[in-house]
Protein backbone atom coordinates (compact mmCIF):
# COMPACT_ATOMS: atom_id res chain seq x y z
CA MET A 1 78.21 33.33 -34.46
CA THR A 2 77.10 35.68 -36.91
CA TRP A 3 74.37 38.18 -36.05
CA ARG A 4 71.97 36.02 -38.17
CA GLY A 5 72.56 32.93 -36.54
CA ALA A 6 72.17 34.68 -32.90
CA LEU A 7 69.07 36.47 -34.21
CA ALA A 8 67.43 33.06 -35.77
CA GLY A 9 68.36 31.31 -32.20
CA LEU A 10 66.76 33.98 -30.40
CA PHE A 11 63.09 33.52 -32.72
CA VAL A 12 63.35 29.72 -32.04
CA LEU A 13 63.83 30.49 -28.39
CA VAL A 14 60.73 32.88 -28.27
CA GLY A 15 58.54 30.81 -30.23
CA SER A 16 59.19 27.31 -27.90
CA ALA A 17 58.32 29.78 -24.98
CA ALA A 18 55.17 30.88 -27.02
CA TRP A 19 54.31 27.24 -27.88
CA ALA A 20 54.92 26.03 -24.34
CA GLN A 21 52.62 28.86 -22.79
CA GLN A 22 49.59 27.77 -25.27
CA ALA A 23 50.15 24.13 -25.05
CA PRO A 24 47.23 22.59 -23.04
CA ALA A 25 47.83 22.42 -19.22
CA THR A 26 46.30 18.80 -19.85
CA ASP A 27 49.71 17.64 -21.61
CA SER A 28 51.71 18.54 -18.75
CA ILE A 29 49.21 16.67 -16.22
CA SER A 30 49.21 13.80 -18.92
CA ARG A 31 53.14 13.62 -18.38
CA ARG A 32 53.12 13.90 -14.83
CA LEU A 33 50.47 11.10 -14.39
CA ASN A 34 51.92 8.73 -17.23
CA GLN A 35 55.51 9.05 -15.40
CA ARG A 36 53.84 8.17 -12.08
CA LEU A 37 51.92 5.31 -13.54
CA VAL A 38 54.91 4.12 -15.51
CA GLN A 39 54.49 5.62 -18.70
CA GLY A 40 50.60 4.68 -18.91
CA ALA A 41 51.29 1.15 -19.03
CA VAL A 42 48.82 0.34 -16.36
CA PRO A 43 45.27 -0.84 -16.18
CA PRO A 44 42.50 1.89 -16.50
CA MET A 45 40.90 1.31 -12.92
CA VAL A 46 44.54 2.29 -11.83
CA ARG A 47 44.74 5.29 -13.61
CA VAL A 48 41.24 6.34 -12.18
CA VAL A 49 42.35 5.43 -8.71
CA GLN A 50 45.35 7.27 -9.14
CA VAL A 51 43.57 10.53 -10.71
CA ARG A 52 41.07 10.34 -7.78
CA GLU A 53 43.64 10.50 -5.34
CA VAL A 54 45.21 13.44 -6.96
CA LEU A 55 41.37 15.30 -6.76
CA LEU A 56 41.14 13.92 -2.91
CA ALA A 57 44.37 15.75 -2.09
CA ASP A 58 43.61 18.86 -3.96
CA LEU A 59 40.27 19.22 -2.33
CA ARG A 60 41.79 18.51 0.92
CA ARG A 61 43.95 21.53 0.41
CA ASP A 62 41.04 23.65 -0.81
CA GLU A 63 42.23 23.71 -4.17
CA VAL A 64 40.16 23.06 -7.28
CA ARG A 65 42.32 24.55 -10.31
CA GLN A 66 43.50 21.32 -11.38
CA VAL A 67 39.83 19.91 -11.99
CA PRO A 68 39.39 21.02 -15.42
CA GLN A 69 42.37 19.14 -16.61
CA LEU A 70 42.07 15.97 -14.77
CA LEU A 71 38.59 15.56 -15.97
CA ALA A 72 39.80 15.92 -19.46
CA TYR A 73 42.70 13.56 -18.68
CA LEU A 74 40.37 10.93 -17.61
CA ALA A 75 38.13 11.61 -20.68
CA GLN A 76 41.31 10.93 -23.01
CA THR A 77 42.68 8.10 -21.17
CA VAL A 78 40.04 6.01 -19.57
CA PRO A 79 37.68 3.85 -22.03
CA ASP A 80 34.18 3.85 -22.08
CA SER A 81 33.91 0.17 -19.95
CA VAL A 82 35.23 1.85 -17.09
CA THR A 83 33.30 4.13 -14.77
CA ALA A 84 36.17 7.14 -13.78
CA LEU A 85 33.43 9.28 -12.05
CA GLN A 86 29.89 9.05 -10.92
CA PRO A 87 28.09 11.70 -12.64
CA PRO A 88 27.11 13.49 -9.33
CA GLU A 89 30.83 13.50 -8.74
CA ALA A 90 31.75 15.08 -12.21
CA TRP A 91 28.98 17.52 -11.50
CA ALA A 92 29.71 18.78 -8.33
CA LEU A 93 33.63 19.03 -9.24
CA LEU A 94 32.57 21.15 -12.18
CA LEU A 95 30.53 23.18 -10.29
CA ALA A 96 33.44 23.27 -7.31
CA ALA A 97 35.89 24.61 -10.34
CA GLY A 98 33.17 26.93 -11.64
CA GLN A 99 33.33 25.54 -15.32
CA PHE A 100 29.61 26.67 -15.37
CA GLU A 101 29.30 26.21 -19.31
CA GLN A 102 30.89 22.54 -19.18
CA LEU A 103 28.93 21.72 -16.13
CA LEU A 104 25.61 22.56 -18.23
CA LYS A 105 26.73 20.46 -21.35
CA ARG A 106 27.65 17.60 -19.13
CA VAL A 107 24.21 17.44 -17.44
CA ALA A 108 22.33 17.97 -20.56
CA ALA A 109 24.45 15.19 -22.42
CA ASP A 110 24.95 12.82 -19.52
CA ASN A 111 21.90 10.77 -18.38
CA PRO A 112 22.71 8.21 -15.42
CA PHE A 113 19.32 7.11 -15.71
CA ASP A 114 19.55 5.88 -19.34
CA ALA A 115 18.47 2.09 -19.08
CA PRO A 116 20.64 0.81 -21.89
CA ARG A 117 23.71 2.61 -20.53
CA LEU A 118 23.10 0.97 -17.23
CA ALA A 119 22.38 -2.27 -18.62
CA ARG A 120 25.97 -2.55 -19.97
CA PRO A 121 28.96 -3.87 -17.45
CA ARG A 122 31.08 -0.99 -16.36
CA GLN A 123 34.02 -1.02 -13.68
CA GLN A 124 33.02 1.27 -10.99
CA PRO A 125 35.15 3.60 -9.00
CA PRO A 126 35.90 2.86 -5.62
CA ARG A 127 33.89 4.74 -2.88
CA ASP A 128 36.39 6.90 -1.57
CA GLY A 129 34.73 10.06 -0.76
CA LEU A 130 35.31 12.04 -3.20
CA LEU A 131 31.71 13.39 -3.70
CA ASP A 132 31.39 14.22 0.34
CA LEU A 133 35.08 16.25 0.15
CA THR A 134 33.25 18.04 -3.07
CA GLN A 135 30.26 19.20 -1.54
CA ASP A 136 32.28 20.42 1.71
CA TYR A 137 34.18 22.40 -0.64
CA LEU A 138 30.59 23.59 -2.28
CA VAL A 139 29.26 24.50 1.38
CA ARG A 140 32.63 26.24 2.03
CA HIS A 141 32.30 28.72 -1.02
CA GLU A 142 28.86 28.68 -1.59
CA ALA A 143 28.25 32.64 -1.66
CA ASP A 144 31.26 33.01 -4.38
CA LEU A 145 30.11 30.30 -6.32
CA ARG A 146 26.47 32.05 -6.56
CA ALA A 147 28.04 35.11 -7.40
CA ARG A 148 29.88 33.97 -10.12
CA ALA A 149 27.36 31.74 -11.43
CA ARG A 150 24.88 34.92 -11.61
CA GLN A 151 27.42 36.63 -13.68
CA ALA A 152 28.01 33.86 -16.08
CA ARG A 153 26.64 35.04 -19.64
CA VAL A 154 24.28 31.92 -20.24
CA PRO A 155 20.62 32.20 -20.86
CA ALA A 156 18.03 32.76 -17.98
CA GLU A 157 17.15 28.75 -18.04
CA ASP A 158 20.71 27.87 -17.65
CA SER A 159 21.31 30.36 -15.08
CA THR A 160 18.54 29.44 -12.80
CA PHE A 161 19.36 25.90 -13.24
CA LEU A 162 22.96 26.88 -11.88
CA GLN A 163 21.31 28.02 -9.12
CA LEU A 164 19.36 25.05 -8.12
CA ALA A 165 22.20 22.87 -9.03
CA LEU A 166 24.37 25.02 -6.13
CA SER A 167 21.29 24.21 -3.98
CA LEU A 168 21.26 20.71 -4.53
CA MET A 169 25.08 19.73 -4.30
CA THR A 170 25.38 21.82 -1.26
CA GLN A 171 22.84 19.43 0.59
CA ARG A 172 23.91 16.24 2.25
CA ARG A 173 23.26 13.07 0.03
CA PHE A 174 20.74 11.23 2.57
CA SER A 175 19.31 14.27 4.11
CA PRO A 176 15.67 15.22 2.71
CA THR A 177 15.69 18.36 0.71
CA SER A 178 13.60 21.06 1.72
CA GLN A 179 10.02 21.84 0.92
CA GLU A 180 11.47 25.01 -0.48
CA LEU A 181 13.77 23.75 -2.66
CA ASN A 182 11.18 21.11 -3.85
CA THR A 183 8.97 24.16 -4.90
CA ASP A 184 11.59 25.82 -6.69
CA LEU A 185 12.41 22.38 -8.51
CA GLN A 186 9.17 21.90 -9.42
CA GLN A 187 8.70 25.70 -10.65
CA PHE A 188 11.57 24.84 -12.88
CA LEU A 189 9.94 22.01 -14.30
CA ASP A 190 6.78 24.19 -15.21
CA ARG A 191 8.28 27.15 -16.32
CA TYR A 192 10.70 25.22 -18.67
CA PRO A 193 8.75 21.94 -19.63
CA ARG A 194 11.01 21.22 -22.39
CA SER A 195 14.26 21.82 -20.98
CA GLU A 196 17.04 19.57 -21.67
CA TYR A 197 17.87 19.34 -17.44
CA GLY A 198 14.29 18.27 -17.31
CA TYR A 199 15.12 14.64 -16.48
CA PHE A 200 17.91 15.74 -14.09
CA VAL A 201 15.35 18.22 -12.18
CA GLN A 202 12.55 15.43 -12.13
CA ARG A 203 14.78 12.73 -10.40
CA VAL A 204 16.33 15.04 -7.82
CA VAL A 205 12.81 16.55 -6.67
CA ARG A 206 12.96 14.57 -3.20
CA PRO A 207 9.59 13.02 -2.67
CA VAL A 208 7.37 13.87 0.15
CA TYR A 209 6.71 11.32 2.59
CA GLN A 210 2.95 10.70 3.64
CA PRO A 211 1.42 8.30 5.95
CA SER A 212 0.11 5.60 4.47
CA ARG A 213 -3.70 5.26 4.80
CA PHE A 214 -3.40 1.71 6.06
CA SER A 215 -2.58 1.31 9.65
CA TYR A 216 -2.11 -1.78 11.77
CA GLY A 217 -1.77 -2.44 15.60
CA LEU A 218 -1.98 -4.67 18.50
CA ASP A 219 -2.40 -4.41 22.18
CA PHE A 220 -3.02 -6.29 25.42
CA HIS A 221 -5.56 -5.43 28.10
CA SER A 222 -6.64 -6.41 31.29
CA GLY A 223 -9.86 -5.24 33.41
CA THR A 224 -13.17 -6.59 34.94
CA GLY A 225 -16.90 -6.18 34.38
CA PHE A 226 -20.10 -7.74 35.40
CA PHE A 227 -22.99 -9.84 33.99
CA THR A 228 -26.69 -9.05 33.96
CA GLY A 229 -30.03 -10.90 33.91
CA GLY A 230 -30.00 -14.79 34.42
CA LEU A 231 -26.15 -14.93 33.27
CA ASN A 232 -25.42 -12.95 36.66
CA GLU A 233 -27.40 -15.30 38.74
CA ASP A 234 -25.59 -18.48 37.63
CA PHE A 235 -21.90 -16.76 37.28
CA ARG A 236 -19.72 -14.21 39.21
CA PRO A 237 -17.39 -12.91 36.87
CA VAL A 238 -13.73 -11.76 38.37
CA PHE A 239 -11.68 -10.26 36.01
CA ASN A 240 -10.52 -10.99 32.64
CA PHE A 241 -7.74 -9.97 30.11
CA GLY A 242 -6.59 -10.46 26.32
CA HIS A 243 -5.15 -9.15 23.23
CA GLY A 244 -6.11 -7.91 19.98
CA PHE A 245 -5.34 -6.61 16.68
CA GLU A 246 -6.45 -3.67 14.54
CA PHE A 247 -6.20 -3.01 10.93
CA GLY A 248 -7.19 0.33 9.39
CA TRP A 249 -8.08 2.57 6.29
CA ASP A 250 -8.35 6.04 6.79
CA ARG A 251 -10.79 6.43 9.88
CA TYR A 252 -12.30 2.88 9.52
CA LEU A 253 -11.10 -0.06 11.70
CA LEU A 254 -11.16 -3.65 11.55
CA TYR A 255 -10.65 -5.44 15.21
CA LEU A 256 -9.86 -8.93 15.89
CA ARG A 257 -9.85 -9.30 19.70
CA ASN A 258 -9.65 -12.44 22.14
CA TYR A 259 -11.05 -11.99 25.63
CA ILE A 260 -10.26 -14.44 28.89
CA GLY A 261 -12.22 -13.89 31.36
CA THR A 262 -12.44 -15.74 34.74
CA ALA A 263 -15.75 -16.43 36.95
CA GLU A 264 -17.31 -18.84 39.13
CA THR A 265 -20.58 -20.36 39.77
CA ARG A 266 -23.09 -18.82 41.89
CA HIS A 267 -24.70 -22.23 42.48
CA ALA A 268 -24.96 -25.35 41.16
CA TYR A 269 -25.29 -25.45 37.55
CA THR A 270 -26.61 -28.24 35.25
CA TYR A 271 -26.31 -28.56 31.55
CA ASP A 272 -26.68 -31.56 29.43
CA GLY A 273 -27.08 -33.96 32.55
CA ARG A 274 -23.70 -32.89 34.22
CA THR A 275 -23.40 -30.14 37.00
CA TRP A 276 -20.65 -27.69 38.02
CA PRO A 277 -20.84 -27.38 41.88
CA THR A 278 -21.26 -23.91 43.56
CA GLY A 279 -17.92 -22.05 43.31
CA GLN A 280 -16.62 -24.15 40.46
CA ARG A 281 -13.73 -21.96 38.87
CA LEU A 282 -14.33 -21.28 35.58
CA ASN A 283 -12.81 -19.60 32.32
CA TYR A 284 -15.10 -17.73 29.76
CA TYR A 285 -13.52 -17.10 26.25
CA VAL A 286 -15.08 -14.36 23.92
CA PRO A 287 -13.12 -14.03 20.44
CA GLU A 288 -14.45 -10.67 18.94
CA ILE A 289 -14.57 -9.13 15.18
CA SER A 290 -15.83 -5.99 15.11
CA VAL A 291 -15.59 -2.46 13.17
CA GLY A 292 -15.32 0.93 14.09
CA TYR A 293 -15.35 4.37 12.89
CA ARG A 294 -13.04 6.92 14.43
CA LEU A 295 -15.03 9.97 15.63
CA LEU A 296 -12.43 11.70 16.99
CA GLU A 297 -9.02 12.12 15.89
CA ALA A 298 -7.29 14.87 17.50
CA LYS A 299 -3.47 15.06 18.78
CA ARG A 300 -3.27 12.80 21.84
CA LEU A 301 -6.68 11.56 21.70
CA GLN A 302 -8.83 8.94 19.53
CA VAL A 303 -12.48 8.07 20.21
CA THR A 304 -14.00 4.92 18.05
CA PRO A 305 -17.23 3.43 18.76
CA PHE A 306 -17.62 -0.19 17.29
CA VAL A 307 -19.85 -2.87 16.57
CA GLY A 308 -19.54 -6.46 15.82
CA VAL A 309 -20.12 -10.15 16.83
CA SER A 310 -18.56 -12.17 19.31
CA TRP A 311 -18.66 -16.07 20.93
CA CYS A 312 -18.92 -16.87 24.41
CA ASN A 313 -18.08 -20.31 25.73
CA PHE A 314 -17.75 -21.16 29.37
CA ALA A 315 -15.46 -24.22 30.76
CA PRO A 316 -13.71 -25.41 33.68
CA ALA A 317 -10.09 -23.19 34.46
CA LYS A 318 -8.17 -26.24 36.50
CA MET A 319 -6.68 -28.82 34.55
CA GLU A 320 -7.75 -31.47 37.09
CA ASP A 321 -11.45 -30.31 36.61
CA ARG A 322 -10.74 -31.04 33.28
CA LYS A 323 -9.76 -34.52 33.85
CA ASN A 324 -13.01 -35.34 35.66
CA PRO A 325 -15.48 -36.33 33.48
CA ASP A 326 -18.39 -35.12 35.45
CA LEU A 327 -16.92 -31.41 35.10
CA ASP A 328 -15.60 -31.45 31.69
CA PHE A 329 -17.96 -29.84 29.86
CA ASP A 330 -18.37 -26.27 28.35
CA VAL A 331 -21.45 -24.23 27.79
CA THR A 332 -21.79 -21.79 24.76
CA PHE A 333 -23.49 -18.74 24.99
CA GLY A 334 -25.41 -17.27 21.51
CA TYR A 335 -26.81 -14.43 19.85
CA PRO A 336 -23.18 -13.04 20.42
CA LEU A 337 -24.02 -8.86 19.40
CA THR A 338 -21.40 -6.37 20.59
CA ALA A 339 -21.11 -2.90 20.48
CA GLY A 340 -18.75 -0.64 22.60
CA LEU A 341 -16.23 2.81 22.63
CA ASP A 342 -12.71 2.47 22.31
CA LEU A 343 -10.33 5.46 23.65
CA ASN A 344 -6.93 5.73 23.13
CA VAL A 345 -4.73 8.14 25.02
CA LEU A 346 -1.13 9.10 23.03
CA LEU A 347 1.42 7.97 25.50
CA TRP A 348 4.63 8.41 22.94
CA ARG A 349 5.61 8.44 19.19
CA THR A 350 8.06 6.25 17.34
CA GLU A 351 10.03 6.14 14.13
CA SER A 352 11.98 3.32 12.52
CA GLY A 353 13.07 3.70 8.84
CA PRO A 354 10.11 4.07 6.63
CA GLU A 355 7.60 3.22 9.41
CA ILE A 356 5.86 5.88 12.10
CA GLY A 357 3.83 4.98 14.70
CA SER A 358 2.69 5.45 18.25
CA TRP A 359 2.00 3.96 21.86
CA PHE A 360 -1.35 4.63 23.47
CA LEU A 361 -2.75 4.26 26.85
CA LYS A 362 -5.99 1.89 25.46
CA ILE A 363 -9.24 2.33 27.22
CA ARG A 364 -12.33 -0.24 25.63
CA SER A 365 -15.64 -0.80 27.41
CA GLY A 366 -18.51 -2.52 25.92
CA VAL A 367 -21.59 -4.89 26.10
CA ARG A 368 -22.15 -8.25 24.80
CA ALA A 369 -25.26 -9.91 24.34
CA ALA A 370 -25.42 -13.84 25.37
CA ARG A 371 -28.37 -16.15 25.02
CA SER A 372 -28.75 -18.88 27.17
CA PRO A 373 -28.51 -22.42 25.44
CA GLN A 374 -31.03 -23.89 27.96
CA MET A 375 -33.74 -21.33 28.28
CA PRO A 376 -34.23 -17.33 27.99
CA ALA A 377 -34.15 -16.73 31.81
CA GLY A 378 -30.32 -17.85 32.00
CA SER A 379 -29.73 -15.18 29.29
CA GLY A 380 -27.99 -11.66 29.72
CA THR A 381 -25.17 -9.45 28.93
CA LEU A 382 -21.38 -9.21 29.71
CA PHE A 383 -20.40 -5.37 30.45
CA TYR A 384 -16.83 -5.05 30.59
CA LEU A 385 -13.94 -2.22 30.89
CA ASP A 386 -10.66 -2.73 30.21
CA VAL A 387 -7.39 -1.03 30.49
CA GLY A 388 -4.43 -1.96 28.16
CA ILE A 389 -1.17 -0.61 25.97
CA GLY A 390 -1.20 -0.82 22.43
CA GLY A 391 1.24 -0.08 19.71
CA PHE A 392 -0.14 1.45 16.05
CA GLY A 393 1.77 2.19 13.03
CA ARG A 394 1.59 3.35 9.55
CA MET A 395 4.09 2.96 6.72
CA MET A 396 5.34 6.27 5.20
CA ARG A 397 4.81 6.36 1.45
CA ALA A 398 7.01 8.40 -1.07
CA HIS A 399 5.15 10.81 -3.44
CA LYS A 400 6.48 13.40 -5.32
CA PRO A 401 5.32 17.11 -4.82
CA SER A 402 3.32 17.17 -8.22
CA GLN A 403 1.43 14.10 -7.06
CA ALA A 404 1.14 15.12 -3.69
CA ARG A 405 -0.85 18.18 -4.48
């Protein structure tokens, strides 16, 4: 070989090495993946699954150097009809790899909430925990990534957004964002109202959950009481029990209740030509509708006075008496005004999904007017004192911080 041939060979060798060093790393990844995927002749979703497996394996080794090349490979080889990475996955991966400028461009251009884009049918990637593993990596390397993000030569708006993105991506997906971070996100929107990242920030500002103004509840109760006037001369009360529903709006409440009391006649009681003998066992039914206003709503105590109307009816308690035509009649007392005081003592609180609630010891006392259908002398009042247990709830409503102010 002549010296000219040797020199030419040397130039070719050096040039080839230089070209190999300058060739995009994506090409080598493409060759390796295409060989693994039978020269690329596979459905796009198979390619997506294989690349995601490589990403998962790298993240388990705490390795992210291949992330930019793998993302580029997906962009070059996967058609638009297939979703290779969900937007949060791509953002988290770019953040983990320190590809801040690419992340900023991706967030500004990739709107996952775009309705026309979402309307197009697309094949979705498998649920393989890629986002969770990437978030784990971000948590482990958060301090280093923050320092690198501060050193990035980007405008102040972009730098602020990168710090917010790190705060968001290092939180678990279903955990509530702290109020402090919500404040930072809102401040970003106030400071940069026309930011190209605004749609992203607005979407990720987590709602503040506040109790609805509407409440609902039910209770079961039992107790006793006493009669006055002519009502007491005719009947002896024994005990009562019942149940109730309530619906509230702020401090105003609507009560729907039903009392069933037991009593007996003190002497022979005649009405409409028929007579109950002395000691006749009776039930008296007192459905009630009333409204109240909660005067006191402390941590463990609620006090609510109420007024309303009720209906009072006496009838035989025993089934065999109802089969007797001489005993089977009922007496209804009119003028059913009622008023009283409702006292709730907190026992424990509950939470189930979007609902919060409480169980209370419920103490309720009141008075009902009862006008005799026969004569004024037979009229009187019903005083009662009941103790029971009640459960009450409110739905939690989501409000954005700007709406909750």
